[in-house]
Amino acid sequence: MSGPILPIEPRVAVLVDCDNTTPEILEYALRVVAQFGRVVLRRGYGNHSTLAKTWQEALVRQAFTPCLQYQYAAGKNTADIALALDALEAMFDQRADKFCIVTSDSDFAYLCRKLRERGATVCIVGESKTPEALRNASDQFFEWVAPVSADSEQSGTKAIHEKTEQPKPATIKRRPRFVVEAVALLAGNTSEGQVHLSSLGQYLKRTDPGFSPANYGHSGLLDMLKTYDLLALKKGDGGHYTVGLRSLAANVTNGASANSPTHVSALIAEVEE
């Protein structure tokens, strides 16, 4: 007797232009691509100065393969060519059918068009400086908004004091900010402004294989979501729950843009880290 036929999960390649962006963008890029499928390729491209200094810790922590490219002549960026060739090779070898290129360099616009011509899906994760030529060459563009350094320092200092002076017991229920970010990302492009709990749970597992509501003092994902003031839960006829941002759902009803970086950042700023 043959077993059930499991659906084929899309395979995603995340290729990072380390010479053209900052390490802080990496975690955001992985959260974005987790909604598209399983990440099978993680590679960061750059020269010796870039990979050995600013990017080393981030690439090691996120299990990326560093692809070192020496500059054969001053002013020549060989890392771009290596990234483009590896992307085409991965597509022709059928190792990946979806590509996330992390860069703000418009030189990759032609690569995006060639990948899409061959049937691949391409998204770009970049900064606000990303040119329109690159944005329009991709299937979807995700803009990374750098956190305010002053707020980050205050948050980091507060966290250090809390851990040093009065560490919280493991039983205290906590509300991590990334859950709100996940709901905003998944529900933002839907007409109802809602995402099914099962889809949200799968996404959270993809972004962090060790994720469990129990780690934050909750008995389950539903119990965890009920503690968020910004999240609205809705129970369907079959007993299945969906969740969305309260402000997001209101903006979708009014026809406004609810998933812009500025709007989402304003909402998640009210949630603890």
C-alpha atoms as a PDB file:
ATOM      1  CA  MET A   1       0.000   0.000   0.000  1.00  0.00           C
ATOM      2  CA  SER A   2       1.405   3.358  -0.963  1.00  0.00           C
ATOM      3  CA  GLY A   3       1.336   6.202   1.509  1.00  0.00           C
ATOM      4  CA  PRO A   4      -0.374   9.563   1.035  1.00  0.00           C
ATOM      5  CA  ILE A   5       1.112  11.883  -1.572  1.00  0.00           C
ATOM      6  CA  LEU A   6       2.516  14.899   0.217  1.00  0.00           C
ATOM      7  CA  PRO A   7       2.413  18.307  -1.484  1.00  0.00           C
ATOM      8  CA  ILE A   8       5.726  19.467  -2.905  1.00  0.00           C
ATOM      9  CA  GLU A   9       6.972  22.392  -0.870  1.00  0.00           C
ATOM     10  CA  PRO A  10       8.514  25.272  -2.856  1.00  0.00           C
ATOM     11  CA  ARG A  11      12.289  25.525  -2.556  1.00  0.00           C
ATOM     12  CA  VAL A  12      13.711  28.965  -1.870  1.00  0.00           C
ATOM     13  CA  ALA A  13      17.226  30.310  -2.462  1.00  0.00           C
ATOM     14  CA  VAL A  14      18.337  33.329  -0.410  1.00  0.00           C
ATOM     15  CA  LEU A  15      21.306  35.060  -2.042  1.00  0.00           C
ATOM     16  CA  VAL A  16      22.777  38.071  -0.254  1.00  0.00           C
ATOM     17  CA  ASP A  17      24.871  40.829  -1.806  1.00  0.00           C
ATOM     18  CA  CYS A  18      26.945  41.490   1.316  1.00  0.00           C
ATOM     19  CA  ASP A  19      28.956  44.274  -0.345  1.00  0.00           C
ATOM     20  CA  ASN A  20      25.817  46.342  -0.898  1.00  0.00           C
ATOM     21  CA  THR A  21      23.743  45.995   2.267  1.00  0.00           C
ATOM     22  CA  THR A  22      23.962  45.669   6.040  1.00  0.00           C
ATOM     23  CA  PRO A  23      23.921  42.510   8.227  1.00  0.00           C
ATOM     24  CA  GLU A  24      20.902  43.806  10.142  1.00  0.00           C
ATOM     25  CA  ILE A  25      18.716  43.121   7.095  1.00  0.00           C
ATOM     26  CA  LEU A  26      19.359  39.372   7.183  1.00  0.00           C
ATOM     27  CA  GLU A  27      16.818  38.348   9.845  1.00  0.00           C
ATOM     28  CA  TYR A  28      14.117  40.416   8.165  1.00  0.00           C
ATOM     29  CA  ALA A  29      14.839  38.724   4.826  1.00  0.00           C
ATOM     30  CA  LEU A  30      14.508  35.260   6.372  1.00  0.00           C
ATOM     31  CA  ARG A  31      11.183  36.207   7.964  1.00  0.00           C
ATOM     32  CA  VAL A  32       9.924  37.376   4.588  1.00  0.00           C
ATOM     33  CA  VAL A  33      10.906  34.285   2.596  1.00  0.00           C
ATOM     34  CA  ALA A  34       9.576  31.857   5.211  1.00  0.00           C
ATOM     35  CA  GLN A  35       6.084  32.443   3.831  1.00  0.00           C
ATOM     36  CA  PHE A  36       7.117  31.211   0.363  1.00  0.00           C
ATOM     37  CA  GLY A  37       8.550  27.781   1.211  1.00  0.00           C
ATOM     38  CA  ARG A  38      11.586  25.943   2.569  1.00  0.00           C
ATOM     39  CA  VAL A  39      14.931  27.712   2.303  1.00  0.00           C
ATOM     40  CA  VAL A  40      17.369  25.281   0.664  1.00  0.00           C
ATOM     41  CA  LEU A  41      20.167  27.694  -0.287  1.00  0.00           C
ATOM     42  CA  ARG A  42      21.629  30.348   1.999  1.00  0.00           C
ATOM     43  CA  ARG A  43      24.613  32.170   0.544  1.00  0.00           C
ATOM     44  CA  GLY A  44      26.327  35.467   1.212  1.00  0.00           C
ATOM     45  CA  TYR A  45      28.622  37.004  -1.421  1.00  0.00           C
ATOM     46  CA  GLY A  46      31.343  39.552  -0.803  1.00  0.00           C
ATOM     47  CA  ASN A  47      35.029  40.377  -0.729  1.00  0.00           C
ATOM     48  CA  HIS A  48      37.468  39.518   2.058  1.00  0.00           C
ATOM     49  CA  SER A  49      36.977  42.820   3.886  1.00  0.00           C
ATOM     50  CA  THR A  50      33.190  42.470   3.917  1.00  0.00           C
ATOM     51  CA  LEU A  51      32.875  38.814   4.879  1.00  0.00           C
ATOM     52  CA  ALA A  52      35.688  38.785   7.440  1.00  0.00           C
ATOM     53  CA  LYS A  53      34.467  41.817   9.373  1.00  0.00           C
ATOM     54  CA  THR A  54      30.942  43.196   9.255  1.00  0.00           C
ATOM     55  CA  TRP A  55      29.168  40.064   7.966  1.00  0.00           C
ATOM     56  CA  GLN A  56      31.011  37.218   9.641  1.00  0.00           C
ATOM     57  CA  GLU A  57      28.900  36.957  12.805  1.00  0.00           C
ATOM     58  CA  ALA A  58      25.571  37.299  10.957  1.00  0.00           C
ATOM     59  CA  LEU A  59      26.399  34.665   8.316  1.00  0.00           C
ATOM     60  CA  VAL A  60      27.617  32.157  10.909  1.00  0.00           C
ATOM     61  CA  ARG A  61      24.621  32.682  13.191  1.00  0.00           C
ATOM     62  CA  GLN A  62      22.073  32.253  10.391  1.00  0.00           C
ATOM     63  CA  ALA A  63      23.857  29.235   8.827  1.00  0.00           C
ATOM     64  CA  PHE A  64      24.756  30.959   5.554  1.00  0.00           C
ATOM     65  CA  THR A  65      27.540  29.725   3.302  1.00  0.00           C
ATOM     66  CA  PRO A  66      30.022  32.576   2.745  1.00  0.00           C
ATOM     67  CA  CYS A  67      31.071  32.911  -0.894  1.00  0.00           C
ATOM     68  CA  LEU A  68      34.355  34.813  -0.875  1.00  0.00           C
ATOM     69  CA  GLN A  69      35.259  36.601  -4.102  1.00  0.00           C
ATOM     70  CA  TYR A  70      38.590  38.395  -4.386  1.00  0.00           C
ATOM     71  CA  GLN A  71      38.782  41.577  -6.403  1.00  0.00           C
ATOM     72  CA  TYR A  72      41.012  40.908  -9.397  1.00  0.00           C
ATOM     73  CA  ALA A  73      41.217  44.623 -10.179  1.00  0.00           C
ATOM     74  CA  ALA A  74      40.454  47.788  -8.249  1.00  0.00           C
ATOM     75  CA  GLY A  75      36.830  48.868  -8.558  1.00  0.00           C
ATOM     76  CA  LYS A  76      35.653  45.528  -9.995  1.00  0.00           C
ATOM     77  CA  ASN A  77      33.000  43.702  -7.970  1.00  0.00           C
ATOM     78  CA  THR A  78      33.327  40.006  -8.786  1.00  0.00           C
ATOM     79  CA  ALA A  79      30.794  39.035  -6.097  1.00  0.00           C
ATOM     80  CA  ASP A  80      27.890  40.262  -8.243  1.00  0.00           C
ATOM     81  CA  ILE A  81      28.834  37.963 -11.112  1.00  0.00           C
ATOM     82  CA  ALA A  82      29.242  34.991  -8.760  1.00  0.00           C
ATOM     83  CA  LEU A  83      25.799  35.589  -7.260  1.00  0.00           C
ATOM     84  CA  ALA A  84      24.172  35.818 -10.694  1.00  0.00           C
ATOM     85  CA  LEU A  85      25.842  32.655 -11.980  1.00  0.00           C
ATOM     86  CA  ASP A  86      24.916  30.667  -8.859  1.00  0.00           C
ATOM     87  CA  ALA A  87      21.298  31.813  -9.149  1.00  0.00           C
ATOM     88  CA  LEU A  88      21.014  30.648 -12.761  1.00  0.00           C
ATOM     89  CA  GLU A  89      22.754  27.373 -11.933  1.00  0.00           C
ATOM     90  CA  ALA A  90      20.372  26.684  -9.046  1.00  0.00           C
ATOM     91  CA  MET A  91      17.406  27.330 -11.330  1.00  0.00           C
ATOM     92  CA  PHE A  92      18.654  25.116 -14.176  1.00  0.00           C
ATOM     93  CA  ASP A  93      19.567  22.343 -11.709  1.00  0.00           C
ATOM     94  CA  GLN A  94      16.049  22.656 -10.231  1.00  0.00           C
ATOM     95  CA  ARG A  95      17.447  23.097  -6.733  1.00  0.00           C
ATOM     96  CA  ALA A  96      15.282  26.192  -6.260  1.00  0.00           C
ATOM     97  CA  ASP A  97      12.202  27.646  -7.929  1.00  0.00           C
ATOM     98  CA  LYS A  98      11.883  30.776  -5.819  1.00  0.00           C
ATOM     99  CA  PHE A  99      14.650  33.302  -5.277  1.00  0.00           C
ATOM    100  CA  CYS A 100      15.163  36.038  -2.723  1.00  0.00           C
ATOM    101  CA  ILE A 101      17.977  38.428  -3.596  1.00  0.00           C
ATOM    102  CA  VAL A 102      18.982  40.671  -0.727  1.00  0.00           C
ATOM    103  CA  THR A 103      20.414  43.822  -2.261  1.00  0.00           C
ATOM    104  CA  SER A 104      19.715  47.411  -3.227  1.00  0.00           C
ATOM    105  CA  ASP A 105      21.921  47.287  -6.337  1.00  0.00           C
ATOM    106  CA  SER A 106      20.056  47.864  -9.609  1.00  0.00           C
ATOM    107  CA  ASP A 107      22.687  45.799 -11.472  1.00  0.00           C
ATOM    108  CA  PHE A 108      20.648  42.732 -10.474  1.00  0.00           C
ATOM    109  CA  ALA A 109      17.568  43.893 -12.388  1.00  0.00           C
ATOM    110  CA  TYR A 110      18.583  41.906 -15.469  1.00  0.00           C
ATOM    111  CA  LEU A 111      19.143  38.776 -13.386  1.00  0.00           C
ATOM    112  CA  CYS A 112      15.619  39.133 -11.981  1.00  0.00           C
ATOM    113  CA  ARG A 113      14.151  39.394 -15.457  1.00  0.00           C
ATOM    114  CA  LYS A 114      16.058  36.331 -16.723  1.00  0.00           C
ATOM    115  CA  LEU A 115      14.971  34.216 -13.745  1.00  0.00           C
ATOM    116  CA  ARG A 116      11.355  35.213 -14.202  1.00  0.00           C
ATOM    117  CA  GLU A 117      11.491  34.524 -17.934  1.00  0.00           C
ATOM    118  CA  ARG A 118      12.404  30.947 -17.054  1.00  0.00           C
ATOM    119  CA  GLY A 119       9.427  30.612 -14.708  1.00  0.00           C
ATOM    120  CA  ALA A 120      11.088  31.351 -11.371  1.00  0.00           C
ATOM    121  CA  THR A 121       9.601  33.671  -8.752  1.00  0.00           C
ATOM    122  CA  VAL A 122      11.887  36.466  -7.567  1.00  0.00           C
ATOM    123  CA  CYS A 123      11.588  38.803  -4.618  1.00  0.00           C
ATOM    124  CA  ILE A 124      13.964  41.568  -3.598  1.00  0.00           C
ATOM    125  CA  VAL A 125      14.662  42.565  -0.009  1.00  0.00           C
ATOM    126  CA  GLY A 126      16.351  45.941   0.047  1.00  0.00           C
ATOM    127  CA  GLU A 127      16.618  49.318   1.675  1.00  0.00           C
ATOM    128  CA  SER A 128      14.735  52.510   0.836  1.00  0.00           C
ATOM    129  CA  LYS A 129      17.542  53.506  -1.547  1.00  0.00           C
ATOM    130  CA  THR A 130      16.661  50.600  -3.879  1.00  0.00           C
ATOM    131  CA  PRO A 131      16.074  52.019  -7.405  1.00  0.00           C
ATOM    132  CA  GLU A 132      12.740  51.590  -9.167  1.00  0.00           C
ATOM    133  CA  ALA A 133      14.454  49.566 -11.910  1.00  0.00           C
ATOM    134  CA  LEU A 134      15.247  46.796  -9.449  1.00  0.00           C
ATOM    135  CA  ARG A 135      11.927  46.974  -7.616  1.00  0.00           C
ATOM    136  CA  ASN A 136       9.947  46.624 -10.829  1.00  0.00           C
ATOM    137  CA  ALA A 137      12.112  43.776 -12.130  1.00  0.00           C
ATOM    138  CA  SER A 138      11.048  41.520  -9.241  1.00  0.00           C
ATOM    139  CA  ASP A 139       7.750  39.797  -8.476  1.00  0.00           C
ATOM    140  CA  GLN A 140       7.650  41.426  -5.068  1.00  0.00           C
ATOM    141  CA  PHE A 141       9.781  43.974  -3.266  1.00  0.00           C
ATOM    142  CA  PHE A 142      10.121  44.096   0.516  1.00  0.00           C
ATOM    143  CA  GLU A 143      11.586  47.261   1.988  1.00  0.00           C
ATOM    144  CA  TRP A 144      13.630  46.895   5.141  1.00  0.00           C
ATOM    145  CA  VAL A 145      13.323  49.861   7.503  1.00  0.00           C
ATOM    146  CA  ALA A 146      16.342  50.327   9.750  1.00  0.00           C
ATOM    147  CA  PRO A 147      15.446  50.563  13.467  1.00  0.00           C
ATOM    148  CA  VAL A 148      16.071  53.838  15.254  1.00  0.00           C
ATOM    149  CA  SER A 149      19.431  53.479  16.951  1.00  0.00           C
ATOM    150  CA  ALA A 150      18.420  55.491  20.014  1.00  0.00           C
ATOM    151  CA  ASP A 151      15.423  53.275  20.651  1.00  0.00           C
ATOM    152  CA  SER A 152      17.511  50.177  20.094  1.00  0.00           C
ATOM    153  CA  GLU A 153      20.074  51.331  22.641  1.00  0.00           C
ATOM    154  CA  GLN A 154      17.397  52.122  25.210  1.00  0.00           C
ATOM    155  CA  SER A 155      15.707  48.769  24.585  1.00  0.00           C
ATOM    156  CA  GLY A 156      19.016  46.937  24.863  1.00  0.00           C
ATOM    157  CA  THR A 157      19.923  48.759  28.069  1.00  0.00           C
ATOM    158  CA  LYS A 158      16.517  48.033  29.566  1.00  0.00           C
ATOM    159  CA  ALA A 159      16.809  44.339  28.687  1.00  0.00           C
ATOM    160  CA  ILE A 160      20.264  44.132  30.274  1.00  0.00           C
ATOM    161  CA  HIS A 161      19.043  45.743  33.500  1.00  0.00           C
ATOM    162  CA  GLU A 162      16.026  43.438  33.641  1.00  0.00           C
ATOM    163  CA  LYS A 163      18.196  40.356  33.204  1.00  0.00           C
ATOM    164  CA  THR A 164      20.787  41.560  35.708  1.00  0.00           C
ATOM    165  CA  GLU A 165      18.546  42.909  38.419  1.00  0.00           C
ATOM    166  CA  GLN A 166      15.313  40.920  38.224  1.00  0.00           C
ATOM    167  CA  PRO A 167      15.339  38.022  35.758  1.00  0.00           C
ATOM    168  CA  LYS A 168      11.818  36.977  34.790  1.00  0.00           C
ATOM    169  CA  PRO A 169      10.653  33.480  35.688  1.00  0.00           C
ATOM    170  CA  ALA A 170       9.987  31.131  32.757  1.00  0.00           C
ATOM    171  CA  THR A 171       6.320  30.886  33.779  1.00  0.00           C
ATOM    172  CA  ILE A 172       5.566  34.551  33.077  1.00  0.00           C
ATOM    173  CA  LYS A 173       3.573  34.998  29.890  1.00  0.00           C
ATOM    174  CA  ARG A 174       5.413  37.118  27.343  1.00  0.00           C
ATOM    175  CA  ARG A 175       4.303  38.699  24.081  1.00  0.00           C
ATOM    176  CA  PRO A 176       7.198  38.730  21.580  1.00  0.00           C
ATOM    177  CA  ARG A 177       7.025  41.407  18.928  1.00  0.00           C
ATOM    178  CA  PHE A 178       7.801  39.072  16.014  1.00  0.00           C
ATOM    179  CA  VAL A 179       4.350  37.492  16.309  1.00  0.00           C
ATOM    180  CA  VAL A 180       2.699  40.806  15.461  1.00  0.00           C
ATOM    181  CA  GLU A 181       5.183  41.288  12.616  1.00  0.00           C
ATOM    182  CA  ALA A 182       4.278  37.832  11.279  1.00  0.00           C
ATOM    183  CA  VAL A 183       0.534  38.523  11.392  1.00  0.00           C
ATOM    184  CA  ALA A 184       1.018  41.888   9.664  1.00  0.00           C
ATOM    185  CA  LEU A 185       3.106  40.284   6.925  1.00  0.00           C
ATOM    186  CA  LEU A 186       0.814  37.313   6.230  1.00  0.00           C
ATOM    187  CA  ALA A 187      -2.516  39.107   6.610  1.00  0.00           C
ATOM    188  CA  GLY A 188      -1.500  42.389   4.990  1.00  0.00           C
ATOM    189  CA  ASN A 189      -2.044  41.196   1.410  1.00  0.00           C
ATOM    190  CA  THR A 190      -5.382  39.455   2.011  1.00  0.00           C
ATOM    191  CA  SER A 191      -8.724  41.060   1.295  1.00  0.00           C
ATOM    192  CA  GLU A 192     -10.004  40.144   4.776  1.00  0.00           C
ATOM    193  CA  GLY A 193      -6.868  41.203   6.645  1.00  0.00           C
ATOM    194  CA  GLN A 194      -6.837  37.783   8.364  1.00  0.00           C
ATOM    195  CA  VAL A 195      -4.577  34.709   8.361  1.00  0.00           C
ATOM    196  CA  HIS A 196      -5.435  31.173   9.524  1.00  0.00           C
ATOM    197  CA  LEU A 197      -3.789  30.049  12.759  1.00  0.00           C
ATOM    198  CA  SER A 198      -2.386  26.958  11.036  1.00  0.00           C
ATOM    199  CA  SER A 199      -0.660  29.098   8.397  1.00  0.00           C
ATOM    200  CA  LEU A 200       0.680  31.429  11.075  1.00  0.00           C
ATOM    201  CA  GLY A 201       2.010  28.503  13.090  1.00  0.00           C
ATOM    202  CA  GLN A 202       3.769  27.046  10.039  1.00  0.00           C
ATOM    203  CA  TYR A 203       5.311  30.414   9.249  1.00  0.00           C
ATOM    204  CA  LEU A 204       6.615  30.891  12.791  1.00  0.00           C
ATOM    205  CA  LYS A 205       8.145  27.418  12.658  1.00  0.00           C
ATOM    206  CA  ARG A 206       9.862  28.238   9.400  1.00  0.00           C
ATOM    207  CA  THR A 207      11.391  31.414  10.771  1.00  0.00           C
ATOM    208  CA  ASP A 208      12.496  29.671  13.967  1.00  0.00           C
ATOM    209  CA  PRO A 209      12.526  25.835  14.010  1.00  0.00           C
ATOM    210  CA  GLY A 210      12.664  25.938  17.811  1.00  0.00           C
ATOM    211  CA  PHE A 211       9.616  28.178  18.209  1.00  0.00           C
ATOM    212  CA  SER A 212       7.045  27.065  20.789  1.00  0.00           C
ATOM    213  CA  PRO A 213       4.416  29.111  22.665  1.00  0.00           C
ATOM    214  CA  ALA A 214       5.503  27.202  25.787  1.00  0.00           C
ATOM    215  CA  ASN A 215       8.835  29.024  25.667  1.00  0.00           C
ATOM    216  CA  TYR A 216       6.901  32.223  26.310  1.00  0.00           C
ATOM    217  CA  GLY A 217       4.660  30.820  29.044  1.00  0.00           C
ATOM    218  CA  HIS A 218       1.633  29.919  26.904  1.00  0.00           C
ATOM    219  CA  SER A 219      -0.192  26.606  26.541  1.00  0.00           C
ATOM    220  CA  GLY A 220      -0.660  27.038  22.789  1.00  0.00           C
ATOM    221  CA  LEU A 221      -0.643  29.501  19.918  1.00  0.00           C
ATOM    222  CA  LEU A 222      -4.290  30.470  20.425  1.00  0.00           C
ATOM    223  CA  ASP A 223      -3.659  31.179  24.108  1.00  0.00           C
ATOM    224  CA  MET A 224      -0.649  33.246  23.123  1.00  0.00           C
ATOM    225  CA  LEU A 225      -2.505  35.350  20.549  1.00  0.00           C
ATOM    226  CA  LYS A 226      -5.288  36.184  23.021  1.00  0.00           C
ATOM    227  CA  THR A 227      -2.808  38.201  25.114  1.00  0.00           C
ATOM    228  CA  TYR A 228      -2.148  40.719  22.314  1.00  0.00           C
ATOM    229  CA  ASP A 229      -4.290  43.843  22.362  1.00  0.00           C
ATOM    230  CA  LEU A 230      -3.386  44.628  18.724  1.00  0.00           C
ATOM    231  CA  LEU A 231      -4.524  41.245  17.403  1.00  0.00           C
ATOM    232  CA  ALA A 232      -8.137  40.400  16.540  1.00  0.00           C
ATOM    233  CA  LEU A 233      -9.183  36.728  16.597  1.00  0.00           C
ATOM    234  CA  LYS A 234     -12.146  35.466  14.607  1.00  0.00           C
ATOM    235  CA  LYS A 235     -13.750  32.015  14.914  1.00  0.00           C
ATOM    236  CA  GLY A 236     -15.193  30.528  11.740  1.00  0.00           C
ATOM    237  CA  ASP A 237     -18.164  28.198  11.253  1.00  0.00           C
ATOM    238  CA  GLY A 238     -15.942  25.125  11.365  1.00  0.00           C
ATOM    239  CA  GLY A 239     -14.357  26.191  14.637  1.00  0.00           C
ATOM    240  CA  HIS A 240     -11.159  27.324  12.929  1.00  0.00           C
ATOM    241  CA  TYR A 241      -9.629  30.632  14.000  1.00  0.00           C
ATOM    242  CA  THR A 242      -8.166  33.433  11.923  1.00  0.00           C
ATOM    243  CA  VAL A 243      -6.201  36.403  13.229  1.00  0.00           C
ATOM    244  CA  GLY A 244      -5.328  39.874  12.007  1.00  0.00           C
ATOM    245  CA  LEU A 245      -4.251  43.286  13.220  1.00  0.00           C
ATOM    246  CA  ARG A 246      -7.126  45.374  14.540  1.00  0.00           C
ATOM    247  CA  SER A 247      -5.868  48.514  12.791  1.00  0.00           C
ATOM    248  CA  LEU A 248      -4.994  46.447   9.711  1.00  0.00           C
ATOM    249  CA  ALA A 249      -8.508  45.068   9.386  1.00  0.00           C
ATOM    250  CA  ALA A 250      -9.963  48.577   9.709  1.00  0.00           C
ATOM    251  CA  ASN A 251      -7.653  49.957   7.036  1.00  0.00           C
ATOM    252  CA  VAL A 252      -8.441  47.095   4.649  1.00  0.00           C
ATOM    253  CA  THR A 253     -12.154  47.858   5.057  1.00  0.00           C
ATOM    254  CA  ASN A 254     -11.520  51.515   4.284  1.00  0.00           C
ATOM    255  CA  GLY A 255      -9.382  50.668   1.264  1.00  0.00           C
ATOM    256  CA  ALA A 256      -6.189  52.115   2.758  1.00  0.00           C
ATOM    257  CA  SER A 257      -2.682  50.720   2.539  1.00  0.00           C
ATOM    258  CA  ALA A 258      -2.337  48.787   5.776  1.00  0.00           C
ATOM    259  CA  ASN A 259       0.922  46.943   5.280  1.00  0.00           C
ATOM    260  CA  SER A 260       3.300  49.815   4.580  1.00  0.00           C
ATOM    261  CA  PRO A 261       6.558  49.725   6.573  1.00  0.00           C
ATOM    262  CA  THR A 262       5.660  52.958   8.381  1.00  0.00           C
ATOM    263  CA  HIS A 263       2.204  51.705   9.410  1.00  0.00           C
ATOM    264  CA  VAL A 264       3.432  48.328  10.619  1.00  0.00           C
ATOM    265  CA  SER A 265       6.389  49.863  12.470  1.00  0.00           C
ATOM    266  CA  ALA A 266       4.047  52.190  14.325  1.00  0.00           C
ATOM    267  CA  LEU A 267       1.936  49.246  15.446  1.00  0.00           C
ATOM    268  CA  ILE A 268       4.715  46.905  16.541  1.00  0.00           C
ATOM    269  CA  ALA A 269       6.405  49.696  18.469  1.00  0.00           C
ATOM    270  CA  GLU A 270       3.671  49.231  21.069  1.00  0.00           C
ATOM    271  CA  VAL A 271       4.542  45.570  21.596  1.00  0.00           C
ATOM    272  CA  GLU A 272       7.336  44.348  23.825  1.00  0.00           C
ATOM    273  CA  GLU A 273      10.402  42.704  22.275  1.00  0.00           C
END
